[in-house]
Amino acid sequence: MTNIEKSSGNVFADLGLKNPVEMQARADLTHQIYKIIKQKKLTQTAAAELLGIKQPDVSALMNGKLTNFSLDRLLHLLVRLNRDVEISIKPAISKKMSAGIHVLSMQ
């Protein structure tokens, strides 16, 4: 019989990685950037020019390699993609779950 463990909702926490909340937020923001680039049908070269970064950095983003991208840098890339970014601070949803960073998209 296979042992199945319920996810916490954050794969980075489930894997025991450092800073799982930040890592999940960076992954979520990168996914939004990916979707916008695909939606606009931009080549990596065109996306690099629009974002003000090098094409290999766009390639890294598109392939989920987040090592060189801080939350701050990802937020600025979204602005360069003509997206407003709002930061909302509020109490945690419940006392049972720890507070975190959540990315909501209104495309």
C-alpha atoms as a PDB file:
ATOM      1  CA  MET A   1       0.000   0.000   0.000  1.00  0.00           C
ATOM      2  CA  THR A   2       1.255   3.482  -0.884  1.00  0.00           C
ATOM      3  CA  ASN A   3       1.560   6.034   1.883  1.00  0.00           C
ATOM      4  CA  ILE A   4       0.012   9.325   0.755  1.00  0.00           C
ATOM      5  CA  GLU A   5       0.667  12.471   2.733  1.00  0.00           C
ATOM      6  CA  LYS A   6      -1.609  15.491   2.440  1.00  0.00           C
ATOM      7  CA  SER A   7       0.081  18.611   1.078  1.00  0.00           C
ATOM      8  CA  SER A   8       0.342  21.769   3.133  1.00  0.00           C
ATOM      9  CA  GLY A   9      -0.479  23.728  -0.033  1.00  0.00           C
ATOM     10  CA  ASN A  10       3.151  24.828  -0.399  1.00  0.00           C
ATOM     11  CA  VAL A  11       5.352  22.297  -2.157  1.00  0.00           C
ATOM     12  CA  PHE A  12       8.491  24.109  -0.978  1.00  0.00           C
ATOM     13  CA  ALA A  13       7.423  23.686   2.668  1.00  0.00           C
ATOM     14  CA  ASP A  14       6.503  20.056   2.019  1.00  0.00           C
ATOM     15  CA  LEU A  15      10.029  19.475   0.699  1.00  0.00           C
ATOM     16  CA  GLY A  16      11.533  21.138   3.790  1.00  0.00           C
ATOM     17  CA  LEU A  17      13.258  23.907   1.836  1.00  0.00           C
ATOM     18  CA  LYS A  18      14.402  27.187   3.414  1.00  0.00           C
ATOM     19  CA  ASN A  19      12.084  30.202   3.012  1.00  0.00           C
ATOM     20  CA  PRO A  20       9.168  28.249   1.531  1.00  0.00           C
ATOM     21  CA  VAL A  21       6.727  31.180   1.728  1.00  0.00           C
ATOM     22  CA  GLU A  22       9.024  33.424  -0.304  1.00  0.00           C
ATOM     23  CA  MET A  23       9.823  30.619  -2.739  1.00  0.00           C
ATOM     24  CA  GLN A  24       6.110  29.983  -3.361  1.00  0.00           C
ATOM     25  CA  ALA A  25       5.470  33.705  -3.898  1.00  0.00           C
ATOM     26  CA  ARG A  26       8.357  33.907  -6.364  1.00  0.00           C
ATOM     27  CA  ALA A  27       7.039  30.855  -8.211  1.00  0.00           C
ATOM     28  CA  ASP A  28       3.538  32.373  -8.365  1.00  0.00           C
ATOM     29  CA  LEU A  29       4.827  35.721  -9.653  1.00  0.00           C
ATOM     30  CA  THR A  30       7.011  33.980 -12.225  1.00  0.00           C
ATOM     31  CA  HIS A  31       4.001  32.008 -13.417  1.00  0.00           C
ATOM     32  CA  GLN A  32       2.115  35.278 -13.948  1.00  0.00           C
ATOM     33  CA  ILE A  33       5.037  36.707 -15.944  1.00  0.00           C
ATOM     34  CA  TYR A  34       5.156  33.502 -18.004  1.00  0.00           C
ATOM     35  CA  LYS A  35       1.417  33.720 -18.772  1.00  0.00           C
ATOM     36  CA  ILE A  36       1.657  37.379 -19.828  1.00  0.00           C
ATOM     37  CA  ILE A  37       4.622  36.752 -22.127  1.00  0.00           C
ATOM     38  CA  LYS A  38       2.769  33.823 -23.722  1.00  0.00           C
ATOM     39  CA  GLN A  39      -0.471  35.830 -23.976  1.00  0.00           C
ATOM     40  CA  LYS A  40       1.369  38.663 -25.743  1.00  0.00           C
ATOM     41  CA  LYS A  41       3.084  36.078 -28.004  1.00  0.00           C
ATOM     42  CA  LEU A  42       6.473  37.657 -27.308  1.00  0.00           C
ATOM     43  CA  THR A  43       9.684  35.983 -28.334  1.00  0.00           C
ATOM     44  CA  GLN A  44      12.286  35.719 -25.594  1.00  0.00           C
ATOM     45  CA  THR A  45      14.280  38.434 -27.358  1.00  0.00           C
ATOM     46  CA  ALA A  46      11.269  40.765 -27.496  1.00  0.00           C
ATOM     47  CA  ALA A  47      10.378  39.985 -23.883  1.00  0.00           C
ATOM     48  CA  ALA A  48      13.958  40.709 -22.815  1.00  0.00           C
ATOM     49  CA  GLU A  49      13.844  44.101 -24.504  1.00  0.00           C
ATOM     50  CA  LEU A  50      10.489  44.963 -22.940  1.00  0.00           C
ATOM     51  CA  LEU A  51      11.585  43.787 -19.490  1.00  0.00           C
ATOM     52  CA  GLY A  52      15.002  45.422 -19.653  1.00  0.00           C
ATOM     53  CA  ILE A  53      16.822  42.140 -18.988  1.00  0.00           C
ATOM     54  CA  LYS A  54      18.962  39.774 -21.027  1.00  0.00           C
ATOM     55  CA  GLN A  55      17.439  36.986 -23.131  1.00  0.00           C
ATOM     56  CA  PRO A  56      19.069  34.233 -20.996  1.00  0.00           C
ATOM     57  CA  ASP A  57      17.277  35.711 -17.970  1.00  0.00           C
ATOM     58  CA  VAL A  58      13.958  35.486 -19.835  1.00  0.00           C
ATOM     59  CA  SER A  59      14.799  31.875 -20.678  1.00  0.00           C
ATOM     60  CA  ALA A  60      15.478  31.178 -16.999  1.00  0.00           C
ATOM     61  CA  LEU A  61      12.122  32.726 -16.027  1.00  0.00           C
ATOM     62  CA  MET A  62      10.243  30.781 -18.664  1.00  0.00           C
ATOM     63  CA  ASN A  63      11.820  27.563 -17.397  1.00  0.00           C
ATOM     64  CA  GLY A  64      11.106  28.235 -13.715  1.00  0.00           C
ATOM     65  CA  LYS A  65      14.707  28.887 -12.691  1.00  0.00           C
ATOM     66  CA  LEU A  66      14.191  31.503 -10.006  1.00  0.00           C
ATOM     67  CA  THR A  67      17.624  31.689  -8.396  1.00  0.00           C
ATOM     68  CA  ASN A  68      18.441  35.163  -9.737  1.00  0.00           C
ATOM     69  CA  PHE A  69      15.004  36.697  -9.198  1.00  0.00           C
ATOM     70  CA  SER A  70      14.026  38.337  -5.915  1.00  0.00           C
ATOM     71  CA  LEU A  71      10.430  39.232  -5.102  1.00  0.00           C
ATOM     72  CA  ASP A  72      11.320  42.871  -5.730  1.00  0.00           C
ATOM     73  CA  ARG A  73      12.774  42.140  -9.161  1.00  0.00           C
ATOM     74  CA  LEU A  74       9.752  40.041 -10.165  1.00  0.00           C
ATOM     75  CA  LEU A  75       7.371  42.821  -9.090  1.00  0.00           C
ATOM     76  CA  HIS A  76       9.287  45.314 -11.239  1.00  0.00           C
ATOM     77  CA  LEU A  77       9.101  42.939 -14.217  1.00  0.00           C
ATOM     78  CA  LEU A  78       5.317  42.804 -13.838  1.00  0.00           C
ATOM     79  CA  VAL A  79       5.188  46.597 -13.900  1.00  0.00           C
ATOM     80  CA  ARG A  80       7.287  46.551 -17.099  1.00  0.00           C
ATOM     81  CA  LEU A  81       4.625  44.211 -18.507  1.00  0.00           C
ATOM     82  CA  ASN A  82       2.074  46.982 -17.841  1.00  0.00           C
ATOM     83  CA  ARG A  83       0.554  45.376 -14.780  1.00  0.00           C
ATOM     84  CA  ASP A  84      -0.412  47.212 -11.613  1.00  0.00           C
ATOM     85  CA  VAL A  85       0.849  45.447  -8.504  1.00  0.00           C
ATOM     86  CA  GLU A  86      -1.015  45.981  -5.242  1.00  0.00           C
ATOM     87  CA  ILE A  87       0.278  44.834  -1.875  1.00  0.00           C
ATOM     88  CA  SER A  88      -2.378  44.140   0.730  1.00  0.00           C
ATOM     89  CA  ILE A  89      -1.591  43.487   4.385  1.00  0.00           C
ATOM     90  CA  LYS A  90      -4.248  41.822   6.527  1.00  0.00           C
ATOM     91  CA  PRO A  91      -4.608  39.316   9.351  1.00  0.00           C
ATOM     92  CA  ALA A  92      -4.051  35.654   8.489  1.00  0.00           C
ATOM     93  CA  ILE A  93      -7.101  33.823   7.170  1.00  0.00           C
ATOM     94  CA  SER A  94      -7.274  31.565  10.208  1.00  0.00           C
ATOM     95  CA  LYS A  95      -5.315  30.873  13.361  1.00  0.00           C
ATOM     96  CA  LYS A  96      -4.856  27.249  12.240  1.00  0.00           C
ATOM     97  CA  MET A  97      -2.879  28.251   9.157  1.00  0.00           C
ATOM     98  CA  SER A  98       0.260  30.347   9.264  1.00  0.00           C
ATOM     99  CA  ALA A  99       0.304  33.710   7.536  1.00  0.00           C
ATOM    100  CA  GLY A 100       1.919  33.898   4.132  1.00  0.00           C
ATOM    101  CA  ILE A 101       2.321  35.685   0.824  1.00  0.00           C
ATOM    102  CA  HIS A 102      -0.452  35.055  -1.687  1.00  0.00           C
ATOM    103  CA  VAL A 103      -0.502  36.066  -5.345  1.00  0.00           C
ATOM    104  CA  LEU A 104      -3.904  36.849  -6.838  1.00  0.00           C
ATOM    105  CA  SER A 105      -4.263  37.665 -10.508  1.00  0.00           C
ATOM    106  CA  MET A 106      -7.022  39.694 -12.143  1.00  0.00           C
ATOM    107  CA  GLN A 107      -6.267  39.146 -15.814  1.00  0.00           C
END
